[in-house]
Protein backbone atom coordinates (compact mmCIF):
# COMPACT_ATOMS: atom_id res chain seq x y z
CA MET A 1 -5.77 -40.43 0.98
CA SER A 2 -9.50 -39.65 1.36
CA THR A 3 -11.03 -36.69 2.49
CA GLN A 4 -12.47 -36.63 6.01
CA GLN A 5 -15.71 -35.56 4.65
CA GLY A 6 -18.88 -36.17 6.85
CA THR A 7 -22.41 -36.21 6.08
CA GLY A 8 -23.62 -33.50 8.47
CA PRO A 9 -22.67 -29.94 9.39
CA GLY A 10 -20.66 -30.94 12.36
CA SER A 11 -19.17 -34.18 11.17
CA GLY A 12 -15.55 -34.65 10.06
CA GLY A 13 -14.11 -32.40 12.65
CA VAL A 14 -12.32 -29.23 12.16
CA LEU A 15 -9.30 -30.99 10.55
CA ARG A 16 -11.29 -32.47 7.46
CA THR A 17 -9.19 -32.05 4.41
CA LYS A 18 -10.30 -31.11 0.81
CA THR A 19 -8.67 -33.24 -1.77
CA VAL A 20 -6.61 -31.78 -4.52
CA GLU A 21 -8.82 -33.33 -6.93
CA GLN A 22 -12.00 -31.73 -5.46
CA SER A 23 -10.26 -28.30 -5.28
CA ILE A 24 -9.55 -28.64 -9.16
CA ARG A 25 -13.11 -29.83 -9.87
CA ASP A 26 -14.48 -26.65 -7.91
CA THR A 27 -12.50 -24.45 -10.32
CA GLU A 28 -14.48 -25.94 -13.34
CA GLU A 29 -18.13 -24.98 -12.00
CA PRO A 30 -19.46 -22.28 -14.52
CA GLU A 31 -20.63 -19.81 -12.04
CA HIS A 32 -17.37 -19.88 -10.08
CA GLN A 33 -14.88 -20.20 -12.90
CA LEU A 34 -11.84 -17.82 -13.58
CA ARG A 35 -10.62 -16.85 -16.81
CA LYS A 36 -7.21 -18.40 -17.74
CA SER A 37 -5.20 -15.75 -19.43
CA LEU A 38 -1.75 -15.55 -17.60
CA SER A 39 1.56 -16.70 -18.91
CA ALA A 40 4.94 -17.21 -17.13
CA TRP A 41 5.93 -13.71 -18.36
CA ASP A 42 2.72 -12.24 -16.89
CA LEU A 43 3.47 -14.07 -13.51
CA THR A 44 7.07 -12.90 -13.36
CA VAL A 45 6.00 -9.32 -14.15
CA PHE A 46 3.46 -9.51 -11.34
CA GLY A 47 6.09 -10.75 -8.94
CA VAL A 48 8.63 -8.05 -9.84
CA GLY A 49 5.75 -5.51 -9.82
CA VAL A 50 4.81 -6.23 -6.22
CA ILE A 51 8.21 -7.02 -4.62
CA ILE A 52 10.03 -3.80 -5.99
CA GLY A 53 8.43 -1.08 -3.80
CA THR A 54 9.12 0.89 -0.78
CA GLY A 55 11.90 -1.71 0.20
CA ILE A 56 14.36 -0.84 -2.51
CA PHE A 57 13.57 2.86 -2.49
CA VAL A 58 13.48 3.41 1.40
CA LEU A 59 14.68 0.41 3.32
CA THR A 60 18.29 0.40 1.77
CA GLY A 61 19.39 3.68 3.39
CA LYS A 62 17.68 3.14 6.82
CA VAL A 63 19.18 -0.22 7.30
CA ALA A 64 22.68 0.73 6.05
CA LYS A 65 22.82 3.84 8.34
CA GLU A 66 21.29 2.15 11.49
CA VAL A 67 21.88 -1.55 11.39
CA ALA A 68 24.45 -3.13 8.85
CA GLY A 69 26.49 -0.50 7.13
CA PRO A 70 27.81 -1.56 3.60
CA ALA A 71 26.97 -5.01 4.51
CA THR A 72 23.40 -4.27 3.92
CA ALA A 73 24.06 -6.20 0.57
CA LEU A 74 24.64 -9.40 2.64
CA ALA A 75 21.46 -8.80 4.49
CA PHE A 76 19.49 -8.63 1.39
CA VAL A 77 21.30 -11.95 0.46
CA ALA A 78 20.37 -13.48 3.64
CA ALA A 79 16.63 -12.33 3.40
CA GLY A 80 16.65 -13.42 -0.28
CA VAL A 81 17.78 -17.03 0.83
CA ALA A 82 15.02 -17.26 3.46
CA CYS A 83 12.32 -16.34 0.89
CA GLY A 84 14.00 -18.65 -1.65
CA LEU A 85 13.55 -21.56 0.64
CA ALA A 86 9.82 -20.56 1.04
CA ALA A 87 9.57 -19.94 -2.79
CA LEU A 88 10.62 -23.55 -3.45
CA CYS A 89 7.74 -24.88 -1.25
CA TYR A 90 5.36 -22.49 -2.92
CA ALA A 91 6.41 -23.45 -6.36
CA GLU A 92 5.64 -27.15 -5.65
CA PHE A 93 2.15 -26.44 -4.16
CA ALA A 94 1.25 -23.81 -6.88
CA SER A 95 2.10 -26.23 -9.63
CA THR A 96 0.43 -29.18 -7.98
CA VAL A 97 -2.84 -27.35 -6.82
CA PRO A 98 -3.35 -24.74 -9.35
CA VAL A 99 -6.23 -23.22 -7.52
CA ALA A 100 -6.85 -19.58 -6.37
CA GLY A 101 -6.05 -18.99 -2.71
CA SER A 102 -2.37 -19.63 -2.38
CA ALA A 103 -1.48 -20.78 0.95
CA TYR A 104 -5.18 -21.18 2.13
CA THR A 105 -5.85 -23.75 -0.64
CA PHE A 106 -2.64 -25.56 -0.14
CA SER A 107 -3.22 -25.96 3.76
CA TYR A 108 -6.75 -27.09 3.09
CA ALA A 109 -5.48 -29.91 1.01
CA SER A 110 -2.68 -30.92 3.59
CA LEU A 111 -3.47 -29.63 7.22
CA GLY A 112 -7.19 -29.44 7.31
CA GLU A 113 -10.01 -27.01 7.44
CA LEU A 114 -9.34 -25.02 10.51
CA PRO A 115 -5.60 -24.45 9.61
CA ALA A 116 -6.74 -23.40 6.12
CA TRP A 117 -9.25 -20.99 7.60
CA ILE A 118 -6.52 -19.54 10.07
CA ILE A 119 -4.14 -18.97 7.10
CA GLY A 120 -6.87 -17.57 4.91
CA TRP A 121 -7.85 -15.08 7.69
CA ASP A 122 -4.27 -14.25 8.07
CA LEU A 123 -3.76 -13.53 4.41
CA VAL A 124 -6.96 -11.40 4.32
CA LEU A 125 -5.30 -9.02 7.11
CA GLU A 126 -1.87 -9.29 5.39
CA PHE A 127 -2.88 -8.11 1.99
CA ALA A 128 -5.65 -5.57 3.16
CA LEU A 129 -3.09 -3.86 5.42
CA GLY A 130 -0.45 -4.01 2.88
CA THR A 131 -2.68 -2.47 0.05
CA ALA A 132 -3.72 0.37 2.31
CA VAL A 133 -0.21 1.11 3.79
CA VAL A 134 1.22 1.03 0.19
CA ALA A 135 -1.46 3.47 -1.01
CA VAL A 136 -0.83 5.98 1.64
CA GLY A 137 2.90 5.75 0.90
CA TRP A 138 2.04 6.21 -2.87
CA SER A 139 0.13 9.23 -1.91
CA GLY A 140 3.11 10.83 0.01
CA TYR A 141 5.32 10.46 -3.10
CA VAL A 142 2.67 11.83 -5.52
CA ARG A 143 2.12 14.85 -3.24
CA SER A 144 5.82 15.48 -3.20
CA LEU A 145 6.04 15.44 -6.96
CA MET A 146 3.00 17.79 -7.06
CA ASP A 147 4.72 20.14 -4.64
CA ASN A 148 7.74 20.25 -6.85
CA ALA A 149 5.35 21.34 -9.68
CA GLY A 150 3.77 24.03 -7.78
CA TRP A 151 0.43 22.10 -7.32
CA HIS A 152 -0.94 21.51 -3.93
CA LEU A 153 -3.94 19.82 -2.47
CA PRO A 154 -6.04 21.28 0.49
CA ALA A 155 -4.44 20.42 3.71
CA ALA A 156 -7.74 18.66 4.82
CA LEU A 157 -7.21 16.17 1.88
CA GLU A 158 -3.63 15.23 2.48
CA GLY A 159 -4.33 12.60 4.89
CA PRO A 160 -4.16 12.09 8.81
CA ASP A 161 -0.24 11.74 8.65
CA VAL A 162 -0.10 15.49 7.61
CA ALA A 163 -0.80 18.33 10.17
CA GLY A 164 -4.30 19.52 9.46
CA GLY A 165 -5.24 16.55 7.21
CA THR A 166 -8.28 14.27 7.86
CA PHE A 167 -8.76 12.37 4.60
CA ASP A 168 -6.17 11.12 2.15
CA LEU A 169 -7.91 11.71 -1.11
CA LEU A 170 -5.17 10.42 -3.35
CA ALA A 171 -4.86 7.08 -1.53
CA PHE A 172 -8.66 6.69 -1.68
CA VAL A 173 -8.99 7.40 -5.31
CA LEU A 174 -6.09 5.04 -6.12
CA VAL A 175 -7.59 2.03 -4.49
CA LEU A 176 -10.88 2.64 -6.20
CA LEU A 177 -9.22 3.04 -9.76
CA LEU A 178 -7.20 -0.24 -9.25
CA THR A 179 -10.44 -1.84 -8.07
CA ALA A 180 -12.15 -1.03 -11.29
CA ILE A 181 -9.12 -2.21 -13.33
CA LEU A 182 -9.21 -5.69 -11.40
CA VAL A 183 -13.09 -6.14 -12.05
CA VAL A 184 -12.64 -5.64 -15.81
CA GLY A 185 -10.01 -8.42 -16.06
CA MET A 186 -6.75 -9.98 -15.38
CA LYS A 187 -5.25 -9.43 -18.81
CA LEU A 188 -5.90 -5.75 -18.58
CA SER A 189 -4.32 -5.76 -14.90
CA ALA A 190 -1.31 -7.76 -16.44
CA ARG A 191 -0.88 -5.12 -19.25
CA VAL A 192 -1.16 -2.17 -17.01
CA THR A 193 1.43 -3.93 -14.55
CA SER A 194 3.88 -4.60 -17.44
CA VAL A 195 4.06 -1.00 -18.37
CA VAL A 196 4.51 0.21 -14.87
CA VAL A 197 7.14 -2.56 -13.96
CA ALA A 198 9.13 -1.52 -17.11
CA ILE A 199 9.30 2.08 -15.97
CA LYS A 200 10.07 0.86 -12.36
CA VAL A 201 12.87 -1.50 -13.46
CA ALA A 202 14.37 1.07 -15.78
CA VAL A 203 14.52 3.56 -12.84
CA VAL A 204 16.28 0.86 -10.69
CA LEU A 205 18.79 0.16 -13.61
CA ILE A 206 19.33 3.96 -13.96
CA VAL A 207 20.22 4.03 -10.23
CA ILE A 208 22.65 1.13 -10.64
CA VAL A 209 24.40 2.25 -13.93
CA ALA A 210 24.64 5.98 -13.14
CA GLY A 211 25.55 5.35 -9.56
CA LEU A 212 28.66 3.30 -10.57
CA PHE A 213 30.32 6.66 -11.64
CA PHE A 214 29.86 8.10 -8.24
CA ILE A 215 31.21 5.27 -6.08
CA LYS A 216 34.14 6.06 -3.80
CA SER A 217 35.93 2.96 -2.45
CA ASP A 218 36.70 4.59 0.82
CA ASN A 219 32.93 4.51 1.74
CA TYR A 220 33.08 0.70 1.96
CA SER A 221 35.51 0.96 4.81
CA PRO A 222 34.72 -0.87 7.06
CA PHE A 223 32.48 -3.12 5.10
CA ILE A 224 31.13 -4.95 8.19
CA PRO A 225 31.21 -2.04 10.96
CA LYS A 226 31.89 -2.80 14.55
CA ALA A 227 29.02 -4.40 16.49
CA VAL A 228 27.06 -2.09 18.82
CA GLU A 229 24.50 -3.50 21.11
CA GLN A 230 20.84 -2.14 20.44
CA PRO A 231 19.47 0.21 23.13
CA SER A 232 17.75 -2.07 25.51
CA GLY A 233 14.02 -1.58 24.97
CA GLY A 234 11.47 -2.87 27.14
CA GLY A 235 7.83 -3.91 27.13
CA LEU A 236 5.91 -4.52 24.13
CA ASP A 237 8.24 -2.52 21.83
CA ALA A 238 10.99 -5.12 22.45
CA PRO A 239 11.52 -7.94 20.06
CA LEU A 240 9.88 -11.08 21.14
CA VAL A 241 13.18 -13.10 21.20
CA GLN A 242 14.55 -10.54 23.67
CA LEU A 243 11.71 -10.94 26.03
CA MET A 244 11.78 -14.64 25.74
CA PHE A 245 15.46 -15.52 25.95
CA GLY A 246 16.99 -12.22 26.99
CA TYR A 247 19.00 -12.17 23.66
CA ALA A 248 20.09 -8.69 22.96
CA PRO A 249 20.12 -7.99 19.14
CA THR A 250 23.12 -5.98 17.90
CA ASN A 251 23.57 -3.29 15.26
CA PHE A 252 26.40 -3.81 12.84
CA GLY A 253 28.85 -6.69 13.13
CA VAL A 254 28.03 -10.06 11.74
CA MET A 255 25.04 -10.46 13.89
CA GLY A 256 23.92 -7.16 12.66
CA ILE A 257 23.62 -8.55 9.20
CA PHE A 258 20.95 -10.91 10.46
CA THR A 259 19.17 -8.29 12.33
CA ALA A 260 18.98 -6.21 9.15
CA ALA A 261 17.71 -9.35 7.28
CA SER A 262 14.63 -9.23 9.41
CA VAL A 263 14.06 -5.66 8.60
CA VAL A 264 14.75 -5.93 4.78
CA PHE A 265 12.41 -8.96 4.69
CA PHE A 266 9.74 -6.35 4.20
CA ALA A 267 11.35 -5.62 0.69
CA PHE A 268 10.65 -9.16 -0.38
CA ILE A 269 7.02 -9.47 0.54
CA GLY A 270 5.03 -10.19 -2.56
CA PHE A 271 6.36 -13.21 -4.30
CA ASP A 272 3.81 -15.33 -2.65
CA VAL A 273 0.96 -13.18 -4.14
CA VAL A 274 1.93 -14.73 -7.47
CA ALA A 275 0.52 -18.13 -6.14
CA THR A 276 -2.91 -16.69 -5.78
CA ALA A 277 -3.14 -16.27 -9.64
CA ALA A 278 -2.51 -19.87 -10.21
CA GLU A 279 -6.13 -20.46 -11.34
CA GLU A 280 -5.92 -17.77 -13.87
CA THR A 281 -2.64 -19.18 -15.46
CA ARG A 282 -2.87 -21.01 -18.91
CA ASN A 283 -0.12 -23.63 -17.84
CA PRO A 284 0.19 -23.41 -13.97
CA GLN A 285 2.13 -26.67 -13.82
CA ARG A 286 4.98 -25.21 -16.00
CA ASP A 287 4.51 -21.32 -15.47
CA MET A 288 3.79 -21.00 -11.66
CA PRO A 289 7.45 -22.06 -10.59
CA ARG A 290 8.87 -19.98 -13.26
CA GLY A 291 6.98 -16.94 -12.25
CA ILE A 292 7.48 -17.34 -8.41
CA LEU A 293 11.31 -18.27 -8.60
CA GLY A 294 11.97 -15.97 -11.47
CA SER A 295 10.57 -12.78 -9.85
CA LEU A 296 12.40 -13.64 -6.61
CA VAL A 297 15.79 -14.11 -8.27
CA ILE A 298 15.54 -10.95 -10.31
CA CYS A 299 14.55 -8.80 -7.35
CA THR A 300 17.28 -10.24 -5.24
CA VAL A 301 19.93 -9.32 -7.78
CA LEU A 302 18.65 -5.93 -8.08
CA TYR A 303 18.39 -5.28 -4.41
CA VAL A 304 21.97 -6.29 -3.84
CA ALA A 305 23.17 -4.19 -6.69
CA VAL A 306 21.43 -1.16 -5.49
CA SER A 307 22.66 -1.43 -1.90
CA ILE A 308 26.22 -1.90 -3.05
CA VAL A 309 25.80 1.20 -5.14
CA VAL A 310 24.18 3.48 -2.64
CA THR A 311 26.61 2.61 0.09
CA GLY A 312 29.43 3.16 -2.29
CA MET A 313 28.20 6.67 -3.33
CA GLU A 314 27.74 8.00 0.28
CA HIS A 315 29.15 6.72 3.40
CA TYR A 316 26.59 4.75 5.47
CA THR A 317 26.63 7.13 8.32
CA GLU A 318 25.37 10.02 6.12
CA LEU A 319 22.82 8.28 4.22
CA SER A 320 19.18 9.63 4.21
CA VAL A 321 16.61 7.43 5.90
CA SER A 322 13.57 8.75 4.12
CA ALA A 323 14.77 8.89 0.49
CA PRO A 324 18.24 7.40 0.36
CA LEU A 325 18.52 6.83 -3.29
CA ALA A 326 17.39 10.25 -4.32
CA ASP A 327 19.29 12.05 -1.73
CA ALA A 328 22.57 10.25 -2.56
CA PHE A 329 22.28 11.60 -6.15
CA LYS A 330 21.38 15.14 -4.78
CA ALA A 331 24.60 14.77 -2.53
CA ALA A 332 26.61 13.80 -5.73
CA GLY A 333 25.36 17.11 -7.41
CA HIS A 334 22.80 15.38 -9.74
CA PRO A 335 19.12 16.36 -8.75
CA PHE A 336 17.70 15.29 -12.17
CA TYR A 337 18.50 11.58 -11.26
CA ALA A 338 16.84 12.32 -7.74
CA GLY A 339 13.63 13.45 -9.53
CA VAL A 340 13.65 10.39 -11.85
CA ILE A 341 13.89 8.13 -8.72
CA SER A 342 11.08 9.92 -6.93
CA PHE A 343 8.93 9.34 -10.05
CA GLY A 344 9.91 5.73 -10.43
CA ALA A 345 9.00 5.23 -6.75
CA ALA A 346 5.62 6.82 -7.22
CA VAL A 347 4.89 4.87 -10.32
CA GLY A 348 6.19 1.58 -8.90
CA LEU A 349 4.04 1.78 -5.69
CA THR A 350 0.86 1.68 -8.02
CA THR A 351 1.51 -2.08 -9.13
CA VAL A 352 2.46 -2.98 -5.56
CA CYS A 353 -0.95 -1.74 -4.38
CA MET A 354 -2.89 -3.36 -7.25
CA ILE A 355 -1.18 -6.87 -6.81
CA LEU A 356 -1.77 -6.92 -2.99
CA LEU A 357 -5.51 -6.05 -3.79
CA LEU A 358 -5.38 -8.82 -6.25
CA GLY A 359 -4.13 -11.37 -4.02
CA GLN A 360 -6.52 -10.49 -1.06
CA THR A 361 -9.75 -10.92 -3.45
CA ARG A 362 -8.46 -14.28 -4.68
CA VAL A 363 -8.09 -15.61 -1.15
CA PHE A 364 -11.45 -14.19 -0.18
CA PHE A 365 -13.02 -15.69 -3.38
CA ALA A 366 -11.43 -19.13 -2.67
CA MET A 367 -12.76 -19.17 1.03
CA SER A 368 -16.21 -18.12 -0.23
CA ARG A 369 -16.36 -20.88 -2.86
CA ASP A 370 -15.70 -23.49 0.02
CA GLY A 371 -18.39 -21.93 2.01
CA LEU A 372 -16.38 -20.76 4.85
CA LEU A 373 -17.47 -17.23 3.70
CA PRO A 374 -20.86 -16.55 2.24
CA ARG A 375 -21.14 -18.05 -1.27
CA PHE A 376 -22.49 -14.99 -2.62
CA PHE A 377 -18.94 -13.66 -3.11
CA SER A 378 -17.67 -16.62 -5.12
CA VAL A 379 -19.79 -15.78 -8.17
CA THR A 380 -17.75 -14.55 -11.12
CA HIS A 381 -18.72 -11.75 -13.48
CA PRO A 382 -20.72 -13.23 -16.47
CA LYS A 383 -18.60 -11.11 -18.94
CA PHE A 384 -15.07 -10.63 -17.40
CA ARG A 385 -14.97 -13.96 -15.28
CA THR A 386 -13.30 -12.01 -12.30
CA PRO A 387 -14.55 -12.37 -8.72
CA TYR A 388 -16.13 -8.93 -8.98
CA ARG A 389 -18.17 -8.96 -5.81
CA PRO A 390 -15.27 -9.40 -3.23
CA THR A 391 -13.21 -7.18 -5.35
CA ILE A 392 -15.68 -4.34 -5.10
CA LEU A 393 -16.48 -4.90 -1.44
CA LEU A 394 -12.77 -5.25 -0.20
CA GLY A 395 -11.71 -2.34 -2.71
CA VAL A 396 -14.24 0.18 -1.12
CA ILE A 397 -13.21 -0.89 2.43
CA ILE A 398 -9.58 -0.58 1.86
CA ALA A 399 -10.04 2.75 0.04
CA ILE A 400 -11.96 3.99 3.21
CA VAL A 401 -9.26 2.66 5.44
CA ALA A 402 -6.46 4.29 3.48
CA GLY A 403 -8.28 7.53 3.20
CA PHE A 404 -9.10 8.05 6.92
CA THR A 405 -6.50 6.02 8.85
CA SER A 406 -2.90 6.54 9.78
CA ILE A 407 -1.66 2.94 9.81
CA ASN A 408 2.19 3.12 9.83
CA GLU A 409 2.29 1.20 13.20
CA LEU A 410 0.35 -1.55 11.72
CA ALA A 411 2.62 -2.26 8.89
CA THR A 412 4.58 -4.90 10.78
CA LEU A 413 1.33 -7.01 10.74
CA VAL A 414 1.96 -7.54 7.10
CA ASN A 415 5.30 -8.93 7.88
CA ILE A 416 4.20 -11.40 10.52
CA GLY A 417 1.27 -12.46 8.54
CA THR A 418 3.50 -13.30 5.39
CA LEU A 419 6.02 -15.27 7.63
CA PHE A 420 3.31 -17.26 9.18
CA ALA A 421 2.03 -18.16 5.78
CA PHE A 422 5.52 -19.37 4.98
CA VAL A 423 5.63 -21.71 7.85
CA VAL A 424 2.25 -23.21 7.10
CA VAL A 425 3.13 -23.72 3.34
CA ALA A 426 6.48 -25.45 4.18
CA LEU A 427 4.79 -27.68 6.76
CA GLY A 428 2.07 -28.54 4.08
CA VAL A 429 4.75 -29.77 1.65
CA ILE A 430 6.14 -32.23 4.14
CA ILE A 431 2.64 -33.52 5.07
CA LEU A 432 1.30 -33.80 1.56
CA ARG A 433 4.43 -35.77 0.30
CA ARG A 434 3.58 -38.30 2.90
CA THR A 435 -0.21 -38.39 2.67
CA ARG A 436 -0.34 -38.05 -1.17
CA PRO A 437 2.92 -39.32 -2.66
CA ASP A 438 0.80 -40.30 -5.88
CA LEU A 439 -0.03 -36.75 -6.74
CA PRO A 440 1.70 -35.63 -9.98
CA ARG A 441 4.02 -32.77 -9.18
CA ALA A 442 5.27 -30.70 -12.15
CA PHE A 443 7.70 -29.07 -9.76
CA ARG A 444 9.28 -30.79 -6.65
CA THR A 445 10.85 -28.90 -3.92
CA PRO A 446 14.32 -30.35 -3.62
CA TRP A 447 15.67 -32.10 -0.49
CA VAL A 448 12.40 -32.68 1.32
CA PRO A 449 12.19 -32.36 4.31
CA VAL A 450 15.56 -30.59 4.66
CA VAL A 451 14.38 -27.47 2.56
CA PRO A 452 10.95 -26.93 4.20
CA VAL A 453 12.47 -27.46 7.78
CA LEU A 454 15.05 -24.81 6.93
CA SER A 455 12.24 -22.49 5.57
CA ILE A 456 10.27 -22.98 8.89
CA ALA A 457 13.27 -22.28 11.04
CA ALA A 458 14.24 -19.11 8.95
CA SER A 459 10.66 -17.86 9.09
CA VAL A 460 10.25 -18.44 12.67
CA TRP A 461 13.60 -16.68 13.56
CA LEU A 462 12.52 -13.65 11.57
CA MET A 463 9.15 -13.57 13.30
CA LEU A 464 10.88 -13.81 16.67
CA ASN A 465 12.83 -10.62 15.88
CA LEU A 466 9.51 -8.68 15.47
CA PRO A 467 8.17 -6.62 18.42
CA ALA A 468 5.84 -8.26 21.03
CA GLU A 469 3.24 -5.67 20.28
CA THR A 470 2.99 -6.98 16.75
CA TRP A 471 2.38 -10.48 18.07
CA LEU A 472 -0.27 -9.15 20.38
CA ARG A 473 -2.24 -7.49 17.57
CA PHE A 474 -1.79 -10.53 15.44
CA GLY A 475 -3.19 -12.82 18.22
CA ILE A 476 -6.23 -10.46 18.62
CA TRP A 477 -6.87 -10.82 14.85
CA MET A 478 -6.60 -14.59 14.91
CA VAL A 479 -9.00 -14.82 17.97
CA ILE A 480 -11.61 -12.87 15.87
CA GLY A 481 -10.89 -15.32 13.10
CA PHE A 482 -11.68 -18.31 15.39
CA VAL A 483 -14.93 -16.72 16.44
CA VAL A 484 -15.96 -16.20 12.95
CA TYR A 485 -15.18 -19.85 11.79
CA PHE A 486 -17.06 -21.58 14.85
CA ALA A 487 -20.00 -19.13 14.40
CA TYR A 488 -20.25 -19.41 10.53
CA GLY A 489 -17.60 -21.20 8.68
CA ARG A 490 -17.63 -24.47 10.30
CA SER A 491 -21.44 -25.18 9.77
CA HIS A 492 -21.49 -23.67 6.28
CA SER A 493 -18.55 -25.34 4.87
CA ARG A 494 -19.18 -27.33 1.70
CA LEU A 495 -17.32 -30.37 3.32
CA ALA A 496 -19.44 -30.11 6.21
CA ALA A 497 -22.62 -30.28 3.91
CA GLY A 498 -21.53 -33.46 2.43
CA PRO A 499 -21.14 -34.68 -1.08
CA GLY A 500 -23.53 -33.13 -3.60
CA ARG A 501 -24.89 -30.73 -1.08
CA ASP A 502 -24.20 -27.05 -0.90
CA ARG A 503 -25.09 -24.67 1.95
CA ALA A 504 -26.07 -20.99 1.15
């Protein structure tokens, strides 16, 4: 397939595609080249580091108590399967197109420039909000640990979520510190992540092993509680599927498991971030599939094990919503383990924050290198070979947002953004198989088009279970993206400039 490149700024249309070969050639330009330093192990660690976060430490209890009971373990399996279908599609693309940008780059090669811009714009929002939300959550855990030690920040510096607070100093400092680490280099980032992930996984294993001794079999009865219809909500707070089809989601029961799956999906967000580091991987054709699929499998197993243990330690009706794992051990008379879990949660969120920030800067870098955003941001650091300009810009902006804003209500935007990316990537696999069957594919998604179609269906179903208000906010962000593209990106695109020409 040839690219739909034109010879002028407006030629070729908004569906002009960028060949895989051209995408790879762009990575070899000295000024825009990233250092290849990551292995399959590094990628797996990144994946585990970003996936294991608030989901395993918080969502387990909330979902078990309110939606699925002990069957929460099955909800994690269902969500893991949905993510696994998407992961198979990501693995093919990341090994075939080993270029920074993840779903943005993949869609540029298969769907065209405008769809690529839309997904890139979507990922910028997803990763930015994700980083800010996690930084605020990390701040809360750290303040709790400080309070236990008798240390207290001035109320004004505890953040807008706290009475009398105006600025979250801890969240602000965390994002700036992680920004500095990412500027210095990916290998340093990988080493920091490896240490923190080791601590986090150790804490999770402690929960599983120690918790086994406190399980009471009676707590598993009934394993799938009797279905209860959810309170009928109205307006923008109701799930979109309810407003469209009149379907009333249920808590508990068999259908409650799938309702729970749409909630615990939050806990899996992050494996797609691994794909943004494809250009910085030494052997992406071999290592990207291993990193993406390996991290997802490890985390799914850990999630299922933790949910089985925690619902066995304490009856689901008595579980804490805010800190279920720690409180389950407190209820069992072991506050020491509760303290270890709180420490693990605080440490673990550090890597989640860093890897989300990493993912965003790589997408921004890729869009800049293609001319859809100012090319100024695609110049790499002469010594560290990192995209330092977008890293510093975005790091400072996110630090300010995390410091001054209460953004809990925006967290669901992270979810819808990820699911939208899953749909685009799965669609891209089907299209690229038809348009470029000649491409060497180190990893091939099995059973195409069945697996991509199932991935699209699963993602769309989970999206429909999100509140209509989330869809509205997402739509507003997309409209802004269209304006930016037609005002700047379309005419400054390197494809629009034609072969051999760059536009500033």
